[in-house]
Amino acid sequence: SRPHRQWDYPNGWAPHQMMIWKGLINYGFVEELQELIYRWL
């Protein structure tokens, strides 16, 4: 009676990743940026 919702765990979405990468660039989080991009790609 309470099924999965597609924008929640465990799913991941392209717009979220792209915005997060840009945000990490804005604040200089280089290592975190490279790891998150690598995991997604």
All heavy atoms as atom14 arrays in JSON, in Angstrom:
{
  "sequence": "SRPHRQWDYPNGWAPHQMMIWKGLINYGFVEELQELIYRWL",
  "atom14_mask": [
    [1, 1, 1, 1, 1, 1, 0, 0, 0, 0, 0, 0, 0, 0],
    [1, 1, 1, 1, 1, 1, 1, 1, 1, 1, 1, 0, 0, 0],
    [1, 1, 1, 1, 1, 1, 1, 0, 0, 0, 0, 0, 0, 0],
    [1, 1, 1, 1, 1, 1, 1, 1, 1, 1, 0, 0, 0, 0],
    [1, 1, 1, 1, 1, 1, 1, 1, 1, 1, 1, 0, 0, 0],
    [1, 1, 1, 1, 1, 1, 1, 1, 1, 0, 0, 0, 0, 0],
    [1, 1, 1, 1, 1, 1, 1, 1, 1, 1, 1, 1, 1, 1],
    [1, 1, 1, 1, 1, 1, 1, 1, 0, 0, 0, 0, 0, 0],
    [1, 1, 1, 1, 1, 1, 1, 1, 1, 1, 1, 1, 0, 0],
    [1, 1, 1, 1, 1, 1, 1, 0, 0, 0, 0, 0, 0, 0],
    [1, 1, 1, 1, 1, 1, 1, 1, 0, 0, 0, 0, 0, 0],
    [1, 1, 1, 1, 0, 0, 0, 0, 0, 0, 0, 0, 0, 0],
    [1, 1, 1, 1, 1, 1, 1, 1, 1, 1, 1, 1, 1, 1],
    [1, 1, 1, 1, 1, 0, 0, 0, 0, 0, 0, 0, 0, 0],
    [1, 1, 1, 1, 1, 1, 1, 0, 0, 0, 0, 0, 0, 0],
    [1, 1, 1, 1, 1, 1, 1, 1, 1, 1, 0, 0, 0, 0],
    [1, 1, 1, 1, 1, 1, 1, 1, 1, 0, 0, 0, 0, 0],
    [1, 1, 1, 1, 1, 1, 1, 1, 0, 0, 0, 0, 0, 0],
    [1, 1, 1, 1, 1, 1, 1, 1, 0, 0, 0, 0, 0, 0],
    [1, 1, 1, 1, 1, 1, 1, 1, 0, 0, 0, 0, 0, 0],
    [1, 1, 1, 1, 1, 1, 1, 1, 1, 1, 1, 1, 1, 1],
    [1, 1, 1, 1, 1, 1, 1, 1, 1, 0, 0, 0, 0, 0],
    [1, 1, 1, 1, 0, 0, 0, 0, 0, 0, 0, 0, 0, 0],
    [1, 1, 1, 1, 1, 1, 1, 1, 0, 0, 0, 0, 0, 0],
    [1, 1, 1, 1, 1, 1, 1, 1, 0, 0, 0, 0, 0, 0],
    [1, 1, 1, 1, 1, 1, 1, 1, 0, 0, 0, 0, 0, 0],
    [1, 1, 1, 1, 1, 1, 1, 1, 1, 1, 1, 1, 0, 0],
    [1, 1, 1, 1, 0, 0, 0, 0, 0, 0, 0, 0, 0, 0],
    [1, 1, 1, 1, 1, 1, 1, 1, 1, 1, 1, 0, 0, 0],
    [1, 1, 1, 1, 1, 1, 1, 0, 0, 0, 0, 0, 0, 0],
    [1, 1, 1, 1, 1, 1, 1, 1, 1, 0, 0, 0, 0, 0],
    [1, 1, 1, 1, 1, 1, 1, 1, 1, 0, 0, 0, 0, 0],
    [1, 1, 1, 1, 1, 1, 1, 1, 0, 0, 0, 0, 0, 0],
    [1, 1, 1, 1, 1, 1, 1, 1, 1, 0, 0, 0, 0, 0],
    [1, 1, 1, 1, 1, 1, 1, 1, 1, 0, 0, 0, 0, 0],
    [1, 1, 1, 1, 1, 1, 1, 1, 0, 0, 0, 0, 0, 0],
    [1, 1, 1, 1, 1, 1, 1, 1, 0, 0, 0, 0, 0, 0],
    [1, 1, 1, 1, 1, 1, 1, 1, 1, 1, 1, 1, 0, 0],
    [1, 1, 1, 1, 1, 1, 1, 1, 1, 1, 1, 0, 0, 0],
    [1, 1, 1, 1, 1, 1, 1, 1, 1, 1, 1, 1, 1, 1],
    [1, 1, 1, 1, 1, 1, 1, 1, 0, 0, 0, 0, 0, 0]
  ],
  "atom14_positions": [
    [[0.82, -1.22, 0.0], [0.0, 0.0, 0.0], [0.85, 1.27, 0.0], [0.32, 2.37, -0.12], [-0.92, 0.01, 1.23], [-0.14, -0.01, 2.41], [0.0, 0.0, 0.0], [0.0, 0.0, 0.0], [0.0, 0.0, 0.0], [0.0, 0.0, 0.0], [0.0, 0.0, 0.0], [0.0, 0.0, 0.0], [0.0, 0.0, 0.0], [0.0, 0.0, 0.0]],
    [[2.17, 1.11, 0.14], [3.07, 2.27, 0.1], [4.24, 1.91, -0.83], [5.33, 1.58, -0.39], [3.57, 2.59, 1.52], [4.27, 3.96, 1.62], [4.69, 4.24, 3.07], [5.3, 5.56, 3.18], [6.59, 5.81, 2.95], [7.41, 4.82, 2.59], [7.06, 7.04, 3.07], [0.0, 0.0, 0.0], [0.0, 0.0, 0.0], [0.0, 0.0, 0.0]],
    [[4.0, 2.0, -2.15], [4.98, 1.5, -3.12], [6.16, 2.43, -3.3], [6.2, 3.55, -2.79], [4.16, 1.41, -4.41], [3.09, 2.45, -4.24], [2.77, 2.49, -2.78], [0.0, 0.0, 0.0], [0.0, 0.0, 0.0], [0.0, 0.0, 0.0], [0.0, 0.0, 0.0], [0.0, 0.0, 0.0], [0.0, 0.0, 0.0], [0.0, 0.0, 0.0]],
    [[7.15, 1.95, -4.07], [8.31, 2.76, -4.42], [7.88, 4.04, -5.12], [6.94, 4.05, -5.91], [9.23, 1.99, -5.38], [10.12, 0.99, -4.71], [11.27, 1.35, -4.04], [10.02, -0.36, -4.61], [11.85, 0.26, -3.55], [11.12, -0.8, -3.87], [0.0, 0.0, 0.0], [0.0, 0.0, 0.0], [0.0, 0.0, 0.0], [0.0, 0.0, 0.0]],
    [[8.6, 5.12, -4.86], [8.48, 6.37, -5.62], [9.79, 6.59, -6.36], [10.87, 6.5, -5.76], [8.17, 7.54, -4.68], [6.81, 7.43, -3.98], [5.69, 7.62, -4.99], [4.36, 7.59, -4.41], [3.43, 6.71, -4.71], [3.69, 5.73, -5.57], [2.22, 6.77, -4.18], [0.0, 0.0, 0.0], [0.0, 0.0, 0.0], [0.0, 0.0, 0.0]],
    [[9.7, 6.91, -7.64], [10.88, 6.8, -8.49], [11.97, 7.85, -8.19], [13.13, 7.62, -8.53], [10.49, 6.84, -9.97], [9.85, 8.12, -10.44], [9.65, 8.14, -11.96], [10.04, 7.22, -12.66], [9.04, 9.21, -12.46], [0.0, 0.0, 0.0], [0.0, 0.0, 0.0], [0.0, 0.0, 0.0], [0.0, 0.0, 0.0], [0.0, 0.0, 0.0]],
    [[11.64, 8.96, -7.55], [12.67, 9.97, -7.25], [13.33, 9.75, -5.88], [14.13, 10.57, -5.44], [12.08, 11.38, -7.35], [11.98, 11.83, -8.78], [10.96, 11.59, -9.65], [12.96, 12.56, -9.53], [11.25, 12.13, -10.89], [12.46, 12.73, -10.84], [14.22, 13.08, -9.22], [13.17, 13.4, -11.84], [14.92, 13.76, -10.2], [14.4, 13.92, -11.5]],
    [[12.99, 8.65, -5.23], [13.55, 8.34, -3.91], [14.59, 7.22, -3.99], [14.78, 6.62, -5.05], [12.43, 7.93, -2.95], [11.45, 9.05, -2.66], [11.81, 10.23, -2.88], [10.31, 8.75, -2.22], [0.0, 0.0, 0.0], [0.0, 0.0, 0.0], [0.0, 0.0, 0.0], [0.0, 0.0, 0.0], [0.0, 0.0, 0.0], [0.0, 0.0, 0.0]],
    [[15.24, 6.97, -2.87], [16.13, 5.81, -2.7], [15.43, 4.56, -3.25], [14.25, 4.37, -2.99], [16.43, 5.64, -1.2], [17.3, 4.47, -0.84], [18.66, 4.61, -0.69], [16.74, 3.19, -0.67], [19.46, 3.52, -0.35], [17.53, 2.1, -0.34], [18.89, 2.28, -0.19], [19.69, 1.21, 0.13], [0.0, 0.0, 0.0], [0.0, 0.0, 0.0]],
    [[16.1, 3.7, -4.01], [17.54, 3.67, -4.3], [17.93, 4.31, -5.63], [19.03, 4.07, -6.13], [17.8, 2.16, -4.35], [16.55, 1.6, -4.98], [15.42, 2.46, -4.47], [0.0, 0.0, 0.0], [0.0, 0.0, 0.0], [0.0, 0.0, 0.0], [0.0, 0.0, 0.0], [0.0, 0.0, 0.0], [0.0, 0.0, 0.0], [0.0, 0.0, 0.0]],
    [[17.01, 5.1, -6.21], [17.27, 5.61, -7.56], [18.1, 6.89, -7.55], [18.07, 7.67, -6.59], [15.94, 5.87, -8.29], [15.14, 4.59, -8.48], [15.7, 3.5, -8.45], [13.84, 4.72, -8.66], [0.0, 0.0, 0.0], [0.0, 0.0, 0.0], [0.0, 0.0, 0.0], [0.0, 0.0, 0.0], [0.0, 0.0, 0.0], [0.0, 0.0, 0.0]],
    [[18.81, 7.09, -8.64], [19.58, 8.31, -8.83], [19.27, 8.91, -10.2], [18.96, 8.18, -11.15], [0.0, 0.0, 0.0], [0.0, 0.0, 0.0], [0.0, 0.0, 0.0], [0.0, 0.0, 0.0], [0.0, 0.0, 0.0], [0.0, 0.0, 0.0], [0.0, 0.0, 0.0], [0.0, 0.0, 0.0], [0.0, 0.0, 0.0], [0.0, 0.0, 0.0]],
    [[19.37, 10.23, -10.28], [18.9, 10.95, -11.47], [19.96, 11.9, -12.01], [20.67, 12.57, -11.24], [17.63, 11.72, -11.13], [16.47, 10.83, -10.87], [16.21, 10.12, -9.73], [15.42, 10.5, -11.79], [15.05, 9.39, -9.88], [14.53, 9.61, -11.13], [15.12, 10.91, -13.1], [13.39, 9.09, -11.74], [13.97, 10.39, -13.69], [13.13, 9.5, -13.03]],
    [[19.99, 12.02, -13.34], [20.99, 12.86, -14.0], [20.96, 14.33, -13.55], [22.02, 14.9, -13.28], [20.83, 12.77, -15.52], [0.0, 0.0, 0.0], [0.0, 0.0, 0.0], [0.0, 0.0, 0.0], [0.0, 0.0, 0.0], [0.0, 0.0, 0.0], [0.0, 0.0, 0.0], [0.0, 0.0, 0.0], [0.0, 0.0, 0.0], [0.0, 0.0, 0.0]],
    [[19.8, 14.99, -13.47], [19.84, 16.41, -13.1], [20.43, 16.65, -11.71], [21.13, 17.64, -11.49], [18.37, 16.86, -13.17], [17.57, 15.62, -13.14], [18.43, 14.55, -13.77], [0.0, 0.0, 0.0], [0.0, 0.0, 0.0], [0.0, 0.0, 0.0], [0.0, 0.0, 0.0], [0.0, 0.0, 0.0], [0.0, 0.0, 0.0], [0.0, 0.0, 0.0]],
    [[20.15, 15.74, -10.78], [20.75, 15.87, -9.44], [22.27, 15.78, -9.53], [22.98, 16.61, -8.95], [20.23, 14.77, -8.52], [18.82, 14.96, -8.07], [18.09, 13.98, -7.46], [17.99, 16.04, -8.14], [16.89, 14.42, -7.17], [16.8, 15.66, -7.58], [0.0, 0.0, 0.0], [0.0, 0.0, 0.0], [0.0, 0.0, 0.0], [0.0, 0.0, 0.0]],
    [[22.76, 14.76, -10.25], [24.22, 14.6, -10.33], [24.87, 15.83, -10.95], [25.87, 16.35, -10.45], [24.6, 13.36, -11.15], [23.77, 12.11, -10.92], [23.75, 11.58, -9.5], [24.78, 11.49, -8.84], [22.56, 11.21, -9.02], [0.0, 0.0, 0.0], [0.0, 0.0, 0.0], [0.0, 0.0, 0.0], [0.0, 0.0, 0.0], [0.0, 0.0, 0.0]],
    [[24.29, 16.32, -12.06], [24.89, 17.45, -12.79], [24.92, 18.71, -11.94], [25.91, 19.46, -11.93], [24.13, 17.69, -14.1], [24.29, 16.54, -15.09], [23.17, 16.65, -16.51], [23.99, 17.91, -17.49], [0.0, 0.0, 0.0], [0.0, 0.0, 0.0], [0.0, 0.0, 0.0], [0.0, 0.0, 0.0], [0.0, 0.0, 0.0], [0.0, 0.0, 0.0]],
    [[23.86, 18.95, -11.18], [23.83, 20.12, -10.31], [24.82, 19.97, -9.16], [25.49, 20.94, -8.77], [22.41, 20.35, -9.77], [21.43, 20.81, -10.83], [19.77, 21.1, -10.17], [20.01, 22.66, -9.3], [0.0, 0.0, 0.0], [0.0, 0.0, 0.0], [0.0, 0.0, 0.0], [0.0, 0.0, 0.0], [0.0, 0.0, 0.0], [0.0, 0.0, 0.0]],
    [[24.91, 18.76, -8.62], [25.85, 18.52, -7.52], [27.29, 18.71, -8.0], [28.11, 19.35, -7.32], [25.64, 17.12, -6.93], [24.29, 17.08, -6.18], [26.77, 16.73, -5.99], [23.79, 15.68, -5.85], [0.0, 0.0, 0.0], [0.0, 0.0, 0.0], [0.0, 0.0, 0.0], [0.0, 0.0, 0.0], [0.0, 0.0, 0.0], [0.0, 0.0, 0.0]],
    [[27.63, 18.2, -9.19], [28.99, 18.38, -9.72], [29.32, 19.85, -9.86], [30.39, 20.29, -9.45], [29.12, 17.7, -11.09], [28.86, 16.23, -11.1], [28.87, 15.37, -10.02], [28.54, 15.43, -12.24], [28.57, 14.09, -10.43], [28.37, 14.09, -11.78], [28.38, 15.69, -13.6], [28.04, 13.04, -12.65], [28.06, 14.65, -14.46], [27.9, 13.35, -13.99]],
    [[28.38, 20.62, -10.41], [28.63, 22.06, -10.58], [28.79, 22.73, -9.22], [29.66, 23.61, -9.04], [27.46, 22.69, -11.34], [27.62, 24.19, -11.64], [28.67, 24.44, -12.7], [28.6, 25.84, -13.27], [28.86, 26.91, -12.3], [0.0, 0.0, 0.0], [0.0, 0.0, 0.0], [0.0, 0.0, 0.0], [0.0, 0.0, 0.0], [0.0, 0.0, 0.0]],
    [[28.0, 22.3, -8.25], [28.12, 22.86, -6.9], [29.46, 22.57, -6.27], [30.07, 23.44, -5.62], [0.0, 0.0, 0.0], [0.0, 0.0, 0.0], [0.0, 0.0, 0.0], [0.0, 0.0, 0.0], [0.0, 0.0, 0.0], [0.0, 0.0, 0.0], [0.0, 0.0, 0.0], [0.0, 0.0, 0.0], [0.0, 0.0, 0.0], [0.0, 0.0, 0.0]],
    [[29.96, 21.35, -6.46], [31.28, 20.99, -5.92], [32.39, 21.79, -6.59], [33.35, 22.2, -5.94], [31.52, 19.49, -6.08], [30.6, 18.57, -5.25], [30.81, 17.11, -5.63], [30.83, 18.77, -3.75], [0.0, 0.0, 0.0], [0.0, 0.0, 0.0], [0.0, 0.0, 0.0], [0.0, 0.0, 0.0], [0.0, 0.0, 0.0], [0.0, 0.0, 0.0]],
    [[32.24, 22.05, -7.89], [33.2, 22.92, -8.6], [33.18, 24.31, -8.0], [34.22, 24.91, -7.73], [32.87, 22.98, -10.11], [33.13, 21.63, -10.78], [33.69, 24.08, -10.8], [32.56, 21.52, -12.19], [0.0, 0.0, 0.0], [0.0, 0.0, 0.0], [0.0, 0.0, 0.0], [0.0, 0.0, 0.0], [0.0, 0.0, 0.0], [0.0, 0.0, 0.0]],
    [[31.97, 24.84, -7.76], [31.83, 26.21, -7.24], [32.58, 26.41, -5.93], [33.09, 27.49, -5.65], [30.35, 26.55, -7.02], [29.6, 26.75, -8.32], [30.19, 26.93, -9.38], [28.28, 26.7, -8.25], [0.0, 0.0, 0.0], [0.0, 0.0, 0.0], [0.0, 0.0, 0.0], [0.0, 0.0, 0.0], [0.0, 0.0, 0.0], [0.0, 0.0, 0.0]],
    [[32.64, 25.35, -5.11], [33.25, 25.48, -3.78], [34.58, 24.76, -3.64], [35.11, 24.64, -2.54], [32.26, 25.0, -2.72], [31.09, 25.96, -2.54], [29.96, 25.87, -3.36], [31.12, 26.97, -1.58], [28.89, 26.75, -3.21], [30.06, 27.84, -1.42], [28.94, 27.74, -2.24], [27.9, 28.61, -2.09], [0.0, 0.0, 0.0], [0.0, 0.0, 0.0]],
    [[35.11, 24.26, -4.76], [36.47, 23.72, -4.77], [36.64, 22.33, -4.18], [37.73, 21.97, -3.74], [0.0, 0.0, 0.0], [0.0, 0.0, 0.0], [0.0, 0.0, 0.0], [0.0, 0.0, 0.0], [0.0, 0.0, 0.0], [0.0, 0.0, 0.0], [0.0, 0.0, 0.0], [0.0, 0.0, 0.0], [0.0, 0.0, 0.0], [0.0, 0.0, 0.0]],
    [[35.58, 21.51, -4.2], [35.69, 20.13, -3.68], [36.12, 19.19, -4.81], [35.31, 18.46, -5.38], [34.36, 19.69, -3.08], [33.99, 20.42, -1.81], [33.11, 21.5, -1.84], [34.54, 20.03, -0.6], [32.78, 22.17, -0.68], [34.2, 20.7, 0.58], [33.32, 21.79, 0.54], [0.0, 0.0, 0.0], [0.0, 0.0, 0.0], [0.0, 0.0, 0.0]],
    [[37.39, 19.22, -5.14], [37.9, 18.53, -6.33], [37.84, 17.02, -6.19], [37.37, 16.31, -7.09], [39.36, 18.99, -6.63], [39.91, 18.22, -7.83], [39.41, 20.48, -6.88], [0.0, 0.0, 0.0], [0.0, 0.0, 0.0], [0.0, 0.0, 0.0], [0.0, 0.0, 0.0], [0.0, 0.0, 0.0], [0.0, 0.0, 0.0], [0.0, 0.0, 0.0]],
    [[38.32, 16.49, -5.07], [38.37, 15.03, -4.89], [36.96, 14.44, -4.87], [36.69, 13.4, -5.5], [39.11, 14.68, -3.6], [40.61, 14.94, -3.68], [41.3, 14.64, -2.35], [40.68, 13.98, -1.48], [42.46, 15.06, -2.19], [0.0, 0.0, 0.0], [0.0, 0.0, 0.0], [0.0, 0.0, 0.0], [0.0, 0.0, 0.0], [0.0, 0.0, 0.0]],
    [[36.06, 15.09, -4.16], [34.68, 14.61, -4.09], [34.03, 14.65, -5.47], [33.28, 13.73, -5.85], [33.87, 15.47, -3.1], [34.29, 15.33, -1.65], [35.47, 16.22, -1.25], [36.08, 16.87, -2.14], [35.77, 16.26, -0.05], [0.0, 0.0, 0.0], [0.0, 0.0, 0.0], [0.0, 0.0, 0.0], [0.0, 0.0, 0.0], [0.0, 0.0, 0.0]],
    [[34.33, 15.71, -6.22], [33.8, 15.86, -7.58], [34.23, 14.69, -8.45], [33.39, 14.04, -9.11], [34.3, 17.17, -8.19], [34.04, 17.36, -9.69], [32.57, 17.63, -9.94], [34.89, 18.5, -10.25], [0.0, 0.0, 0.0], [0.0, 0.0, 0.0], [0.0, 0.0, 0.0], [0.0, 0.0, 0.0], [0.0, 0.0, 0.0], [0.0, 0.0, 0.0]],
    [[35.52, 14.39, -8.47], [36.03, 13.32, -9.33], [35.42, 11.97, -8.95], [35.07, 11.17, -9.81], [37.56, 13.27, -9.25], [38.26, 14.48, -9.87], [38.0, 14.62, -11.37], [38.15, 13.67, -12.13], [37.6, 15.8, -11.8], [0.0, 0.0, 0.0], [0.0, 0.0, 0.0], [0.0, 0.0, 0.0], [0.0, 0.0, 0.0], [0.0, 0.0, 0.0]],
    [[35.28, 11.73, -7.66], [34.71, 10.45, -7.23], [33.25, 10.31, -7.66], [32.85, 9.27, -8.19], [34.8, 10.29, -5.7], [34.15, 8.99, -5.24], [34.17, 8.78, -3.73], [34.86, 9.53, -3.01], [33.47, 7.84, -3.28], [0.0, 0.0, 0.0], [0.0, 0.0, 0.0], [0.0, 0.0, 0.0], [0.0, 0.0, 0.0], [0.0, 0.0, 0.0]],
    [[32.46, 11.36, -7.44], [31.04, 11.27, -7.8], [30.83, 11.12, -9.3], [29.97, 10.37, -9.75], [30.28, 12.48, -7.27], [30.1, 12.57, -5.75], [29.21, 13.74, -5.38], [29.54, 11.27, -5.17], [0.0, 0.0, 0.0], [0.0, 0.0, 0.0], [0.0, 0.0, 0.0], [0.0, 0.0, 0.0], [0.0, 0.0, 0.0], [0.0, 0.0, 0.0]],
    [[31.63, 11.86, -10.08], [31.52, 11.72, -11.55], [31.9, 10.3, -11.95], [31.2, 9.67, -12.76], [32.43, 12.73, -12.27], [31.94, 14.16, -12.04], [32.47, 12.45, -13.78], [32.88, 15.22, -12.57], [0.0, 0.0, 0.0], [0.0, 0.0, 0.0], [0.0, 0.0, 0.0], [0.0, 0.0, 0.0], [0.0, 0.0, 0.0], [0.0, 0.0, 0.0]],
    [[33.0, 9.8, -11.39], [33.45, 8.46, -11.77], [32.38, 7.42, -11.45], [32.08, 6.54, -12.27], [34.76, 8.09, -11.06], [35.35, 6.79, -11.59], [36.23, 6.8, -12.67], [34.99, 5.57, -11.05], [36.74, 5.63, -13.18], [35.49, 4.38, -11.55], [36.37, 4.41, -12.62], [36.86, 3.24, -13.14], [0.0, 0.0, 0.0], [0.0, 0.0, 0.0]],
    [[31.81, 7.51, -10.25], [30.79, 6.53, -9.86], [29.62, 6.54, -10.84], [29.13, 5.49, -11.27], [30.29, 6.82, -8.44], [31.31, 6.46, -7.36], [30.77, 6.7, -5.95], [31.75, 6.29, -4.96], [31.97, 5.03, -4.58], [31.24, 4.05, -5.1], [32.89, 4.75, -3.68], [0.0, 0.0, 0.0], [0.0, 0.0, 0.0], [0.0, 0.0, 0.0]],
    [[29.15, 7.72, -11.21], [28.01, 7.85, -12.13], [28.36, 7.33, -13.53], [27.61, 6.55, -14.12], [27.58, 9.3, -12.17], [26.36, 9.6, -13.0], [26.33, 10.2, -14.22], [24.99, 9.33, -12.66], [25.04, 10.32, -14.66], [24.2, 9.79, -13.72], [24.37, 8.73, -11.56], [22.8, 9.69, -13.72], [22.99, 8.61, -11.56], [22.22, 9.09, -12.63]],
    [[29.5, 7.75, -14.04], [29.88, 7.34, -15.4], [30.23, 5.86, -15.45], [29.97, 5.2, -16.47], [31.06, 8.17, -15.92], [30.82, 9.67, -16.11], [31.96, 10.29, -16.91], [29.49, 9.96, -16.78], [0.0, 0.0, 0.0], [0.0, 0.0, 0.0], [0.0, 0.0, 0.0], [0.0, 0.0, 0.0], [0.0, 0.0, 0.0], [0.0, 0.0, 0.0]]
  ]
}
